[in-house]
Protein backbone atom coordinates (compact mmCIF):
# COMPACT_ATOMS: atom_id res chain seq x y z
CA MET A 1 8.27 -35.56 -3.19
CA PRO A 2 11.26 -33.37 -3.64
CA VAL A 3 12.49 -30.82 -0.88
CA ASN A 4 10.54 -27.82 -0.96
CA ASN A 5 10.88 -24.57 0.76
CA LEU A 6 7.56 -23.33 1.72
CA MET A 7 8.61 -19.59 2.49
CA LYS A 8 9.37 -19.48 -1.41
CA ASP A 9 5.59 -19.81 -2.41
CA ILE A 10 4.67 -17.54 0.35
CA VAL A 11 7.03 -14.63 -0.66
CA ILE A 12 6.16 -15.26 -4.40
CA ASN A 13 2.42 -14.94 -3.76
CA THR A 14 2.77 -11.97 -1.54
CA LEU A 15 4.74 -10.15 -3.86
CA ASP A 16 2.59 -10.67 -6.74
CA GLU A 17 -0.24 -9.23 -4.64
CA VAL A 18 1.98 -6.27 -4.01
CA LEU A 19 2.58 -5.72 -7.58
CA LYS A 20 -0.84 -6.32 -8.78
CA LYS A 21 -2.13 -3.56 -6.15
CA GLU A 22 0.38 -1.17 -5.01
CA ALA A 23 3.55 -1.25 -6.48
CA PRO A 24 4.78 0.32 -9.87
CA LYS A 25 3.87 -1.46 -13.01
CA ASP A 26 7.38 -1.38 -14.64
CA VAL A 27 9.14 -3.84 -12.23
CA SER A 28 10.72 -6.03 -14.75
CA SER A 29 11.07 -9.98 -14.51
CA THR A 30 14.87 -9.60 -13.41
CA SER A 31 13.90 -7.01 -10.82
CA ARG A 32 11.06 -9.62 -9.66
CA ASP A 33 13.66 -12.30 -9.21
CA ASP A 34 15.97 -9.88 -7.32
CA ILE A 35 12.98 -9.00 -4.58
CA ILE A 36 12.32 -12.52 -4.19
CA ALA A 37 15.90 -13.55 -3.35
CA TYR A 38 16.35 -10.45 -1.17
CA VAL A 39 13.42 -11.79 1.11
CA LEU A 40 14.27 -15.11 1.09
CA ASN A 41 17.49 -14.53 2.19
CA ARG A 42 16.21 -12.48 5.42
CA VAL A 43 13.71 -15.06 6.15
CA PRO A 44 13.80 -18.54 8.05
CA PRO A 45 13.18 -21.24 5.41
CA LYS A 46 10.59 -23.92 6.06
CA TYR A 47 11.60 -27.19 4.36
CA VAL A 48 9.23 -29.80 3.91
CA THR A 49 9.82 -33.28 2.00
CA SER A 50 6.18 -35.01 2.14
CA GLU A 51 2.74 -33.73 0.85
CA ARG A 52 1.51 -33.96 4.68
CA GLY A 53 4.32 -31.66 5.96
CA PHE A 54 3.52 -29.20 2.70
CA LEU A 55 -0.27 -29.38 3.95
CA TYR A 56 0.51 -28.36 7.58
CA GLY A 57 3.24 -26.05 6.43
CA ILE A 58 0.69 -24.05 4.55
CA LEU A 59 -1.83 -24.23 7.32
CA ASP A 60 0.76 -23.23 9.86
CA ALA A 61 1.86 -20.31 7.87
CA ARG A 62 -1.58 -19.17 7.21
CA TYR A 63 -2.31 -18.31 10.73
CA LYS A 64 1.16 -16.64 11.59
CA VAL A 65 0.13 -13.20 11.11
CA GLN A 66 3.53 -11.82 12.19
CA GLU A 67 5.50 -13.85 9.75
CA ARG A 68 3.33 -12.75 6.78
CA ILE A 69 3.62 -9.21 7.75
CA ASP A 70 7.36 -9.57 8.13
CA VAL A 71 7.49 -10.87 4.42
CA LEU A 72 5.19 -8.16 3.34
CA PHE A 73 7.51 -5.03 4.74
CA LEU A 74 10.92 -7.00 3.32
CA ILE A 75 9.08 -6.82 0.04
CA TYR A 76 8.47 -3.41 0.33
CA GLU A 77 12.13 -2.71 1.53
CA ALA A 78 13.41 -4.68 -1.44
CA ILE A 79 11.30 -2.96 -4.06
CA TYR A 80 12.67 0.39 -2.69
CA LYS A 81 16.37 -0.82 -2.59
CA ILE A 82 16.42 -2.86 -6.21
CA LEU A 83 14.61 0.03 -7.94
CA LYS A 84 16.81 2.86 -6.30
CA ARG A 85 19.99 0.88 -7.32
CA ARG A 86 18.67 0.88 -10.95
CA ASP A 87 16.64 3.73 -11.30
CA PRO A 88 16.34 6.23 -8.52
CA ALA A 89 13.41 7.94 -10.10
CA SER A 90 11.40 4.45 -10.19
CA ALA A 91 12.44 3.93 -6.56
CA ALA A 92 10.96 7.23 -5.22
CA ARG A 93 7.58 6.80 -7.25
CA ALA A 94 7.71 3.02 -5.66
CA ILE A 95 7.68 3.67 -2.02
CA THR A 96 8.21 7.30 -0.34
CA VAL A 97 8.72 7.63 3.27
CA PRO A 98 7.32 11.22 3.81
CA GLU A 99 9.59 13.68 5.78
CA SER A 100 8.15 13.99 9.15
CA THR A 101 9.22 14.19 12.66
CA ALA A 102 6.42 11.94 14.05
CA TYR A 103 4.77 8.91 12.74
CA LEU A 104 1.86 6.70 13.67
CA PRO A 105 2.12 2.68 13.36
CA HIS A 106 1.26 0.44 10.57
CA ILE A 107 -2.07 -1.23 11.32
CA VAL A 108 -2.21 -4.85 10.29
CA GLY A 109 -4.97 -7.23 10.98
CA GLN A 110 -7.22 -10.20 9.65
CA VAL A 111 -10.86 -10.78 9.11
CA LEU A 112 -12.49 -14.02 8.93
CA GLU A 113 -15.97 -15.76 9.01
CA GLU A 114 -16.55 -16.78 12.39
CA SER A 115 -18.07 -20.12 12.06
CA THR A 116 -15.70 -21.43 9.52
CA LEU A 117 -12.77 -19.32 10.08
CA SER A 118 -12.51 -18.92 6.17
CA VAL A 119 -11.44 -15.95 4.36
CA ILE A 120 -14.16 -13.54 3.17
CA PRO A 121 -13.15 -11.86 -0.02
CA ASP A 122 -14.02 -8.18 -0.53
CA VAL A 123 -14.79 -6.94 3.10
CA GLU A 124 -14.45 -3.20 3.10
CA VAL A 125 -12.43 -2.25 5.85
CA THR A 126 -12.15 1.44 6.80
CA LEU A 127 -9.79 3.07 9.13
CA MET A 128 -12.01 6.16 10.62
CA PHE A 129 -10.58 9.14 12.52
CA GLY A 130 -13.40 11.20 13.88
CA THR A 131 -16.52 11.16 11.35
CA ALA A 132 -14.24 10.61 8.14
CA PRO A 133 -11.69 7.96 6.79
CA ALA A 134 -8.43 8.79 8.15
CA ALA A 135 -5.64 10.21 5.82
CA MET A 136 -3.07 7.71 4.94
CA ILE A 137 0.81 8.50 4.70
CA ASP A 138 0.59 8.51 0.95
CA SER A 139 -1.44 7.25 -1.86
CA ASP A 140 -0.24 3.85 -1.91
CA TRP A 141 -2.11 2.93 1.09
CA GLU A 142 -5.82 2.30 0.26
CA ASN A 143 -8.49 3.47 2.82
CA PRO A 144 -11.10 2.04 2.58
CA TYR A 145 -9.20 -1.37 1.77
CA ARG A 146 -10.95 -4.50 0.35
CA THR A 147 -9.82 -7.98 1.70
CA SER A 148 -9.03 -11.02 -0.72
CA GLN A 149 -8.00 -14.30 -0.92
CA ALA A 150 -4.58 -13.69 -2.13
CA THR A 151 -3.78 -11.98 1.01
CA LYS A 152 -5.69 -14.35 3.23
CA GLY A 153 -7.96 -11.60 4.64
CA HIS A 154 -5.13 -9.55 5.96
CA PHE A 155 -5.75 -5.91 5.92
CA HIS A 156 -3.07 -2.72 6.49
CA PHE A 157 -3.35 0.79 6.66
CA TRP A 158 -0.69 3.43 7.78
CA PRO A 159 -2.62 6.46 8.76
CA LYS A 160 -0.70 10.07 8.73
CA TYR A 161 -0.24 12.07 11.86
CA SER A 162 -1.56 15.41 11.92
CA ASP A 163 -0.24 17.74 14.49
CA SER A 164 -3.03 20.33 14.15
CA ALA A 165 -5.67 17.58 14.19
CA MET A 166 -4.52 15.06 16.73
CA LYS A 167 -2.47 17.30 19.29
CA SER A 168 -1.24 14.29 21.17
CA THR A 169 1.57 11.71 21.25
CA SER A 170 -0.65 9.12 22.87
CA GLY A 171 -3.84 7.48 22.90
CA ILE A 172 -5.01 9.08 19.46
CA PRO A 173 -8.70 7.56 18.90
CA PHE A 174 -9.35 5.87 15.58
CA LYS A 175 -12.06 3.22 14.87
CA LEU A 176 -12.12 0.53 12.16
CA THR A 177 -15.32 -0.64 10.50
CA PHE A 178 -16.05 -4.08 8.70
CA ARG A 179 -18.76 -4.45 6.20
CA HIS A 180 -19.57 -6.91 3.78
CA PRO A 181 -23.14 -7.46 2.00
CA ARG A 182 -23.62 -10.93 3.60
CA CYS A 183 -22.08 -10.40 7.00
CA VAL A 184 -23.24 -8.31 9.98
CA ASP A 185 -21.10 -4.97 10.24
CA GLN A 186 -18.49 -4.99 12.86
CA THR A 187 -16.46 -1.98 14.35
CA LEU A 188 -13.52 -1.81 16.51
CA ASP A 189 -11.82 1.28 18.63
CA LEU A 190 -8.39 1.48 18.82
CA SER A 191 -6.13 4.13 20.14
CA LEU A 192 -2.70 4.87 18.56
CA ASP A 193 0.54 6.35 20.02
CA VAL A 194 3.06 8.59 17.92
CA SER A 195 6.52 7.32 17.57
CA GLY A 196 9.45 9.17 16.02
CA LYS A 197 11.61 9.15 12.78
CA SER A 198 13.94 6.42 14.37
CA ASP A 199 11.15 3.93 14.66
CA PHE A 200 8.58 5.04 12.03
CA GLY A 201 8.50 1.19 10.74
CA VAL A 202 6.55 0.17 14.03
CA SER A 203 3.45 -2.00 13.62
CA ARG A 204 0.37 -2.36 15.53
CA PHE A 205 -1.33 -5.70 15.26
CA ILE A 206 -4.96 -6.26 15.51
CA PRO A 207 -6.70 -9.25 16.89
CA ILE A 208 -8.62 -11.32 14.40
CA VAL A 209 -11.60 -9.81 13.68
CA LEU A 210 -14.63 -12.33 12.96
CA MET A 211 -17.60 -11.56 11.02
CA LYS A 212 -21.01 -13.25 11.27
CA ALA A 213 -22.85 -14.36 8.13
CA LYS A 214 -26.54 -12.86 8.08
CA GLU A 215 -27.81 -16.05 6.75
CA GLU A 216 -26.84 -18.68 9.41
CA GLY A 217 -26.23 -22.42 8.08
CA LYS A 218 -25.95 -21.28 4.63
CA ASP A 219 -22.73 -22.19 2.51
CA PHE A 220 -21.23 -19.34 0.95
CA PRO A 221 -18.84 -18.90 -2.18
CA TRP A 222 -15.58 -17.91 0.34
CA SER A 223 -16.21 -21.18 2.39
CA GLN A 224 -15.70 -23.66 -0.28
């Protein structure tokens, strides 16, 4: 088996998911290659030379949430910089960081089925502020968000800070809800602190959320 860099597959798969769900549809094949190169030049490579090493590498990478999120945000950074270089208007459409003096952190987490630790596709994850879904920083961030196999059950939000509604710089209360027709509903309370313009890219990582299947002992499509 030839030498392979596992990070290349991780970057490509993550980029394809971003382009499918959130990024502009007019990213050319050349721009796509530039984005992949940009990210690979900024993450440590993971070389393997055997099928066993390839398998262990995939399993290891699957559970390193920080590593996957680092790749995700590098992809967003690359899309912005590369499209801006070629077409400033496209870059503005791709990723717009709203002008503000205060920001809430990105929220990143993963949801799995508790008995098998397998990915459950199509879990509806909602970030609530008060009695309604929290406003996101722009329309590219979905709320509710639906998990998928492609992103290994990870979810992410970037809530918008409202000075009039929140009136605080620390301990702002939010709630995450998790719903799937074949699992027991879950909720998770959390509080977020406000950051300034200089560090608007701060992330808040949520512990892995485990959902319990309603019918114990039954095989489900997501565990096969």
